[in-house]
Amino acid sequence: MDVRIGVIHTAKEIDVELASDADRDEIRKSIDKALSDDAGTLWLTDRHGREIAVPATRIAYVELGSPDSERRIGFGAG
């Protein structure tokens, strides 16, 4: 599953590719928890084991992608 985080005052986004067994509901809960506290930090671990931290006050939006099993490849109409 991919997570895209928009950061305020910057044109770049943070893209994090999570492990294939990442629990979507648990990820959403951790995002909600981090965003509910102005002093909070969103911590995510990518598929290589690297930890990424983003201060909640800097987050503009968070986009959760589809799980890996639902990814489409190619140009077919869907």
PDB file of N, CA and C in Angstrom:
ATOM      1  N   MET A   1       0.844  -1.163   0.000  1.00  0.00           N
ATOM      2  CA  MET A   1       0.000   0.000   0.000  1.00  0.00           C
ATOM      3  C   MET A   1       0.895   1.233   0.000  1.00  0.00           C
ATOM      4  N   ASP A   2       0.465   2.219  -0.746  1.00  0.00           N
ATOM      5  CA  ASP A   2       1.197   3.482  -0.806  1.00  0.00           C
ATOM      6  C   ASP A   2       0.485   4.543   0.026  1.00  0.00           C
ATOM      7  N   VAL A   3       1.270   5.395   0.659  1.00  0.00           N
ATOM      8  CA  VAL A   3       0.741   6.539   1.401  1.00  0.00           C
ATOM      9  C   VAL A   3       1.408   7.779   0.830  1.00  0.00           C
ATOM     10  N   ARG A   4       0.607   8.770   0.492  1.00  0.00           N
ATOM     11  CA  ARG A   4       1.131  10.046  -0.018  1.00  0.00           C
ATOM     12  C   ARG A   4       0.746  11.123   0.989  1.00  0.00           C
ATOM     13  N   ILE A   5       1.748  11.887   1.434  1.00  0.00           N
ATOM     14  CA  ILE A   5       1.524  12.924   2.442  1.00  0.00           C
ATOM     15  C   ILE A   5       1.877  14.270   1.838  1.00  0.00           C
ATOM     16  N   GLY A   6       0.907  15.174   1.840  1.00  0.00           N
ATOM     17  CA  GLY A   6       1.160  16.539   1.405  1.00  0.00           C
ATOM     18  C   GLY A   6       1.643  17.353   2.584  1.00  0.00           C
ATOM     19  N   VAL A   7       2.692  18.120   2.373  1.00  0.00           N
ATOM     20  CA  VAL A   7       3.284  18.926   3.435  1.00  0.00           C
ATOM     21  C   VAL A   7       3.051  20.398   3.105  1.00  0.00           C
ATOM     22  N   ILE A   8       2.568  21.159   4.094  1.00  0.00           N
ATOM     23  CA  ILE A   8       2.266  22.564   3.830  1.00  0.00           C
ATOM     24  C   ILE A   8       3.534  23.350   3.531  1.00  0.00           C
ATOM     25  N   HIS A   9       3.377  24.361   2.703  1.00  0.00           N
ATOM     26  CA  HIS A   9       4.447  25.262   2.295  1.00  0.00           C
ATOM     27  C   HIS A   9       5.552  24.584   1.486  1.00  0.00           C
ATOM     28  N   THR A  10       5.221  23.476   0.821  1.00  0.00           N
ATOM     29  CA  THR A  10       6.172  22.836  -0.085  1.00  0.00           C
ATOM     30  C   THR A  10       5.392  22.160  -1.212  1.00  0.00           C
ATOM     31  N   ALA A  11       5.974  22.171  -2.391  1.00  0.00           N
ATOM     32  CA  ALA A  11       5.307  21.566  -3.548  1.00  0.00           C
ATOM     33  C   ALA A  11       5.521  20.054  -3.599  1.00  0.00           C
ATOM     34  N   LYS A  12       6.492  19.552  -2.872  1.00  0.00           N
ATOM     35  CA  LYS A  12       6.781  18.121  -2.893  1.00  0.00           C
ATOM     36  C   LYS A  12       5.873  17.369  -1.935  1.00  0.00           C
ATOM     37  N   GLU A  13       5.618  16.122  -2.294  1.00  0.00           N
ATOM     38  CA  GLU A  13       4.864  15.216  -1.434  1.00  0.00           C
ATOM     39  C   GLU A  13       5.821  14.147  -0.912  1.00  0.00           C
ATOM     40  N   ILE A  14       5.421  13.535   0.179  1.00  0.00           N
ATOM     41  CA  ILE A  14       6.183  12.410   0.713  1.00  0.00           C
ATOM     42  C   ILE A  14       5.433  11.151   0.303  1.00  0.00           C
ATOM     43  N   ASP A  15       6.091  10.281  -0.451  1.00  0.00           N
ATOM     44  CA  ASP A  15       5.507   9.008  -0.863  1.00  0.00           C
ATOM     45  C   ASP A  15       6.162   7.891  -0.078  1.00  0.00           C
ATOM     46  N   VAL A  16       5.334   7.079   0.583  1.00  0.00           N
ATOM     47  CA  VAL A  16       5.841   5.973   1.386  1.00  0.00           C
ATOM     48  C   VAL A  16       5.182   4.694   0.894  1.00  0.00           C
ATOM     49  N   GLU A  17       5.987   3.718   0.528  1.00  0.00           N
ATOM     50  CA  GLU A  17       5.471   2.416   0.124  1.00  0.00           C
ATOM     51  C   GLU A  17       5.563   1.499   1.336  1.00  0.00           C
ATOM     52  N   LEU A  18       4.405   1.118   1.870  1.00  0.00           N
ATOM     53  CA  LEU A  18       4.352   0.285   3.059  1.00  0.00           C
ATOM     54  C   LEU A  18       4.504  -1.183   2.697  1.00  0.00           C
ATOM     55  N   ALA A  19       4.756  -1.988   3.703  1.00  0.00           N
ATOM     56  CA  ALA A  19       4.865  -3.435   3.497  1.00  0.00           C
ATOM     57  C   ALA A  19       3.548  -3.984   2.954  1.00  0.00           C
ATOM     58  N   SER A  20       3.637  -5.066   2.212  1.00  0.00           N
ATOM     59  CA  SER A  20       2.444  -5.636   1.589  1.00  0.00           C
ATOM     60  C   SER A  20       1.433  -6.144   2.612  1.00  0.00           C
ATOM     61  N   ASP A  21       1.883  -6.436   3.822  1.00  0.00           N
ATOM     62  CA  ASP A  21       0.966  -6.929   4.849  1.00  0.00           C
ATOM     63  C   ASP A  21       0.489  -5.824   5.804  1.00  0.00           C
ATOM     64  N   ALA A  22       0.691  -4.566   5.431  1.00  0.00           N
ATOM     65  CA  ALA A  22       0.272  -3.440   6.281  1.00  0.00           C
ATOM     66  C   ALA A  22      -1.242  -3.444   6.436  1.00  0.00           C
ATOM     67  N   ASP A  23      -1.711  -3.221   7.641  1.00  0.00           N
ATOM     68  CA  ASP A  23      -3.139  -3.203   7.951  1.00  0.00           C
ATOM     69  C   ASP A  23      -3.687  -1.796   7.716  1.00  0.00           C
ATOM     70  N   ARG A  24      -4.541  -1.653   6.714  1.00  0.00           N
ATOM     71  CA  ARG A  24      -5.095  -0.355   6.327  1.00  0.00           C
ATOM     72  C   ARG A  24      -5.808   0.329   7.502  1.00  0.00           C
ATOM     73  N   ASP A  25      -6.579  -0.424   8.274  1.00  0.00           N
ATOM     74  CA  ASP A  25      -7.301   0.165   9.405  1.00  0.00           C
ATOM     75  C   ASP A  25      -6.340   0.681  10.473  1.00  0.00           C
ATOM     76  N   GLU A  26      -5.268  -0.053  10.741  1.00  0.00           N
ATOM     77  CA  GLU A  26      -4.282   0.393  11.727  1.00  0.00           C
ATOM     78  C   GLU A  26      -3.548   1.645  11.242  1.00  0.00           C
ATOM     79  N   ILE A  27      -3.258   1.708   9.952  1.00  0.00           N
ATOM     80  CA  ILE A  27      -2.610   2.897   9.387  1.00  0.00           C
ATOM     81  C   ILE A  27      -3.528   4.104   9.553  1.00  0.00           C
ATOM     82  N   ARG A  28      -4.809   3.935   9.238  1.00  0.00           N
ATOM     83  CA  ARG A  28      -5.771   5.035   9.392  1.00  0.00           C
ATOM     84  C   ARG A  28      -5.862   5.492  10.845  1.00  0.00           C
ATOM     85  N   LYS A  29      -5.857   4.555  11.776  1.00  0.00           N
ATOM     86  CA  LYS A  29      -5.918   4.905  13.198  1.00  0.00           C
ATOM     87  C   LYS A  29      -4.691   5.703  13.621  1.00  0.00           C
ATOM     88  N   SER A  30      -3.518   5.302  13.135  1.00  0.00           N
ATOM     89  CA  SER A  30      -2.300   6.028  13.509  1.00  0.00           C
ATOM     90  C   SER A  30      -2.289   7.427  12.890  1.00  0.00           C
ATOM     91  N   ILE A  31      -2.839   7.565  11.689  1.00  0.00           N
ATOM     92  CA  ILE A  31      -2.952   8.889  11.061  1.00  0.00           C
ATOM     93  C   ILE A  31      -3.913   9.761  11.855  1.00  0.00           C
ATOM     94  N   ASP A  32      -5.082   9.212  12.189  1.00  0.00           N
ATOM     95  CA  ASP A  32      -6.063   9.966  12.980  1.00  0.00           C
ATOM     96  C   ASP A  32      -5.489  10.401  14.323  1.00  0.00           C
ATOM     97  N   LYS A  33      -4.767   9.494  14.982  1.00  0.00           N
ATOM     98  CA  LYS A  33      -4.177   9.809  16.285  1.00  0.00           C
ATOM     99  C   LYS A  33      -3.164  10.943  16.166  1.00  0.00           C
ATOM    100  N   ALA A  34      -2.295  10.876  15.154  1.00  0.00           N
ATOM    101  CA  ALA A  34      -1.272  11.916  14.974  1.00  0.00           C
ATOM    102  C   ALA A  34      -1.913  13.260  14.661  1.00  0.00           C
ATOM    103  N   LEU A  35      -2.961  13.262  13.830  1.00  0.00           N
ATOM    104  CA  LEU A  35      -3.587  14.519  13.431  1.00  0.00           C
ATOM    105  C   LEU A  35      -4.477  15.113  14.521  1.00  0.00           C
ATOM    106  N   SER A  36      -4.855  14.318  15.520  1.00  0.00           N
ATOM    107  CA  SER A  36      -5.719  14.824  16.581  1.00  0.00           C
ATOM    108  C   SER A  36      -4.957  15.651  17.619  1.00  0.00           C
ATOM    109  N   ASP A  37      -3.637  15.615  17.559  1.00  0.00           N
ATOM    110  CA  ASP A  37      -2.801  16.321  18.531  1.00  0.00           C
ATOM    111  C   ASP A  37      -1.834  17.238  17.779  1.00  0.00           C
ATOM    112  N   ASP A  38      -1.903  18.542  18.038  1.00  0.00           N
ATOM    113  CA  ASP A  38      -1.028  19.487  17.346  1.00  0.00           C
ATOM    114  C   ASP A  38       0.450  19.198  17.582  1.00  0.00           C
ATOM    115  N   ALA A  39       0.768  18.582  18.696  1.00  0.00           N
ATOM    116  CA  ALA A  39       2.167  18.252  18.987  1.00  0.00           C
ATOM    117  C   ALA A  39       2.503  16.829  18.529  1.00  0.00           C
ATOM    118  N   GLY A  40       1.549  16.173  17.847  1.00  0.00           N
ATOM    119  CA  GLY A  40       1.738  14.790  17.418  1.00  0.00           C
ATOM    120  C   GLY A  40       2.674  14.660  16.231  1.00  0.00           C
ATOM    121  N   THR A  41       3.138  13.445  16.037  1.00  0.00           N
ATOM    122  CA  THR A  41       4.010  13.106  14.919  1.00  0.00           C
ATOM    123  C   THR A  41       3.478  11.836  14.272  1.00  0.00           C
ATOM    124  N   LEU A  42       3.372  11.859  12.958  1.00  0.00           N
ATOM    125  CA  LEU A  42       2.964  10.669  12.224  1.00  0.00           C
ATOM    126  C   LEU A  42       4.210   9.858  11.900  1.00  0.00           C
ATOM    127  N   TRP A  43       4.261   8.638  12.412  1.00  0.00           N
ATOM    128  CA  TRP A  43       5.372   7.728  12.154  1.00  0.00           C
ATOM    129  C   TRP A  43       4.881   6.607  11.264  1.00  0.00           C
ATOM    130  N   LEU A  44       5.593   6.352  10.161  1.00  0.00           N
ATOM    131  CA  LEU A  44       5.296   5.241   9.272  1.00  0.00           C
ATOM    132  C   LEU A  44       6.586   4.481   9.001  1.00  0.00           C
ATOM    133  N   THR A  45       6.474   3.186   8.789  1.00  0.00           N
ATOM    134  CA  THR A  45       7.627   2.359   8.450  1.00  0.00           C
ATOM    135  C   THR A  45       7.426   1.835   7.041  1.00  0.00           C
ATOM    136  N   ASP A  46       8.376   2.111   6.158  1.00  0.00           N
ATOM    137  CA  ASP A  46       8.230   1.687   4.766  1.00  0.00           C
ATOM    138  C   ASP A  46       8.577   0.205   4.618  1.00  0.00           C
ATOM    139  N   ARG A  47       8.445  -0.298   3.411  1.00  0.00           N
ATOM    140  CA  ARG A  47       8.635  -1.733   3.174  1.00  0.00           C
ATOM    141  C   ARG A  47      10.071  -2.186   3.367  1.00  0.00           C
ATOM    142  N   HIS A  48      11.012  -1.252   3.450  1.00  0.00           N
ATOM    143  CA  HIS A  48      12.416  -1.584   3.691  1.00  0.00           C
ATOM    144  C   HIS A  48      12.795  -1.461   5.167  1.00  0.00           C
ATOM    145  N   GLY A  49      11.828  -1.092   6.003  1.00  0.00           N
ATOM    146  CA  GLY A  49      12.086  -0.958   7.432  1.00  0.00           C
ATOM    147  C   GLY A  49      12.520   0.428   7.870  1.00  0.00           C
ATOM    148  N   ARG A  50      12.595   1.375   6.928  1.00  0.00           N
ATOM    149  CA  ARG A  50      12.964   2.751   7.294  1.00  0.00           C
ATOM    150  C   ARG A  50      11.774   3.430   7.945  1.00  0.00           C
ATOM    151  N   GLU A  51      12.038   4.220   8.966  1.00  0.00           N
ATOM    152  CA  GLU A  51      10.974   4.950   9.667  1.00  0.00           C
ATOM    153  C   GLU A  51      10.943   6.391   9.187  1.00  0.00           C
ATOM    154  N   ILE A  52       9.732   6.866   8.904  1.00  0.00           N
ATOM    155  CA  ILE A  52       9.519   8.222   8.409  1.00  0.00           C
ATOM    156  C   ILE A  52       8.632   8.947   9.417  1.00  0.00           C
ATOM    157  N   ALA A  53       9.031  10.155   9.790  1.00  0.00           N
ATOM    158  CA  ALA A  53       8.263  10.949  10.747  1.00  0.00           C
ATOM    159  C   ALA A  53       7.885  12.271  10.100  1.00  0.00           C
ATOM    160  N   VAL A  54       6.623  12.667  10.302  1.00  0.00           N
ATOM    161  CA  VAL A  54       6.149  13.953   9.800  1.00  0.00           C
ATOM    162  C   VAL A  54       5.383  14.627  10.938  1.00  0.00           C
ATOM    163  N   PRO A  55       5.765  15.836  11.330  1.00  0.00           N
ATOM    164  CA  PRO A  55       5.028  16.541  12.383  1.00  0.00           C
ATOM    165  C   PRO A  55       3.587  16.819  11.922  1.00  0.00           C
ATOM    166  N   ALA A  56       2.631  16.547  12.775  1.00  0.00           N
ATOM    167  CA  ALA A  56       1.217  16.706  12.422  1.00  0.00           C
ATOM    168  C   ALA A  56       0.885  18.131  11.982  1.00  0.00           C
ATOM    169  N   THR A  57       1.544  19.110  12.550  1.00  0.00           N
ATOM    170  CA  THR A  57       1.242  20.505  12.194  1.00  0.00           C
ATOM    171  C   THR A  57       1.666  20.847  10.774  1.00  0.00           C
ATOM    172  N   ARG A  58       2.502  20.023  10.146  1.00  0.00           N
ATOM    173  CA  ARG A  58       2.992  20.280   8.786  1.00  0.00           C
ATOM    174  C   ARG A  58       2.207  19.511   7.728  1.00  0.00           C
ATOM    175  N   ILE A  59       1.293  18.631   8.148  1.00  0.00           N
ATOM    176  CA  ILE A  59       0.565  17.781   7.201  1.00  0.00           C
ATOM    177  C   ILE A  59      -0.621  18.535   6.610  1.00  0.00           C
ATOM    178  N   ALA A  60      -0.660  18.609   5.271  1.00  0.00           N
ATOM    179  CA  ALA A  60      -1.778  19.228   4.570  1.00  0.00           C
ATOM    180  C   ALA A  60      -2.848  18.180   4.266  1.00  0.00           C
ATOM    181  N   TYR A  61      -2.432  16.990   3.842  1.00  0.00           N
ATOM    182  CA  TYR A  61      -3.365  15.900   3.555  1.00  0.00           C
ATOM    183  C   TYR A  61      -2.606  14.580   3.563  1.00  0.00           C
ATOM    184  N   VAL A  62      -3.364  13.500   3.688  1.00  0.00           N
ATOM    185  CA  VAL A  62      -2.806  12.152   3.612  1.00  0.00           C
ATOM    186  C   VAL A  62      -3.692  11.352   2.669  1.00  0.00           C
ATOM    187  N   GLU A  63      -3.069  10.688   1.715  1.00  0.00           N
ATOM    188  CA  GLU A  63      -3.798   9.886   0.731  1.00  0.00           C
ATOM    189  C   GLU A  63      -3.342   8.438   0.858  1.00  0.00           C
ATOM    190  N   LEU A  64      -4.291   7.540   1.117  1.00  0.00           N
ATOM    191  CA  LEU A  64      -3.982   6.115   1.198  1.00  0.00           C
ATOM    192  C   LEU A  64      -4.281   5.479  -0.146  1.00  0.00           C
ATOM    193  N   GLY A  65      -3.301   4.799  -0.712  1.00  0.00           N
ATOM    194  CA  GLY A  65      -3.485   4.107  -1.979  1.00  0.00           C
ATOM    195  C   GLY A  65      -4.089   2.737  -1.767  1.00  0.00           C
ATOM    196  N   SER A  66      -4.284   2.048  -2.855  1.00  0.00           N
ATOM    197  CA  SER A  66      -4.825   0.692  -2.816  1.00  0.00           C
ATOM    198  C   SER A  66      -3.769  -0.283  -2.330  1.00  0.00           C
ATOM    199  N   PRO A  67      -4.205  -1.384  -1.726  1.00  0.00           N
ATOM    200  CA  PRO A  67      -3.239  -2.431  -1.380  1.00  0.00           C
ATOM    201  C   PRO A  67      -2.554  -2.944  -2.642  1.00  0.00           C
ATOM    202  N   ASP A  68      -1.359  -3.511  -2.496  1.00  0.00           N
ATOM    203  CA  ASP A  68      -0.584  -3.996  -3.647  1.00  0.00           C
ATOM    204  C   ASP A  68      -1.383  -4.945  -4.525  1.00  0.00           C
ATOM    205  N   SER A  69      -2.213  -5.772  -3.926  1.00  0.00           N
ATOM    206  CA  SER A  69      -2.956  -6.762  -4.702  1.00  0.00           C
ATOM    207  C   SER A  69      -3.978  -6.125  -5.636  1.00  0.00           C
ATOM    208  N   GLU A  70      -4.316  -4.863  -5.407  1.00  0.00           N
ATOM    209  CA  GLU A  70      -5.300  -4.187  -6.240  1.00  0.00           C
ATOM    210  C   GLU A  70      -4.672  -3.247  -7.258  1.00  0.00           C
ATOM    211  N   ARG A  71      -3.357  -3.213  -7.329  1.00  0.00           N
ATOM    212  CA  ARG A  71      -2.692  -2.333  -8.283  1.00  0.00           C
ATOM    213  C   ARG A  71      -2.945  -2.813  -9.693  1.00  0.00           C
ATOM    214  N   ARG A  72      -3.126  -1.846 -10.596  1.00  0.00           N
ATOM    215  CA  ARG A  72      -3.311  -2.176 -12.000  1.00  0.00           C
ATOM    216  C   ARG A  72      -2.085  -1.735 -12.776  1.00  0.00           C
ATOM    217  N   ILE A  73      -1.727  -2.572 -13.730  1.00  0.00           N
ATOM    218  CA  ILE A  73      -0.569  -2.266 -14.557  1.00  0.00           C
ATOM    219  C   ILE A  73      -1.018  -2.276 -16.008  1.00  0.00           C
ATOM    220  N   GLY A  74      -0.576  -1.290 -16.754  1.00  0.00           N
ATOM    221  CA  GLY A  74      -0.929  -1.244 -18.167  1.00  0.00           C
ATOM    222  C   GLY A  74      -1.891  -0.128 -18.476  1.00  0.00           C
ATOM    223  N   PHE A  75      -2.418  -0.159 -19.698  1.00  0.00           N
ATOM    224  CA  PHE A  75      -3.268   0.926 -20.171  1.00  0.00           C
ATOM    225  C   PHE A  75      -4.704   0.481 -20.392  1.00  0.00           C
ATOM    226  N   GLY A  76      -5.095  -0.651 -19.914  1.00  0.00           N
ATOM    227  CA  GLY A  76      -6.451  -1.165 -20.133  1.00  0.00           C
ATOM    228  C   GLY A  76      -7.507  -0.309 -19.466  1.00  0.00           C
ATOM    229  N   ALA A  77      -8.669  -0.231 -20.085  1.00  0.00           N
ATOM    230  CA  ALA A  77      -9.787   0.510 -19.508  1.00  0.00           C
ATOM    231  C   ALA A  77     -10.319  -0.266 -18.321  1.00  0.00           C
ATOM    232  N   GLY A  78     -10.643   0.452 -17.288  1.00  0.00           N
ATOM    233  CA  GLY A  78     -11.030  -0.281 -16.098  1.00  0.00           C
ATOM    234  C   GLY A  78     -12.287   0.129 -15.532  1.00  0.00           C
TER     235      GLY A  78
END
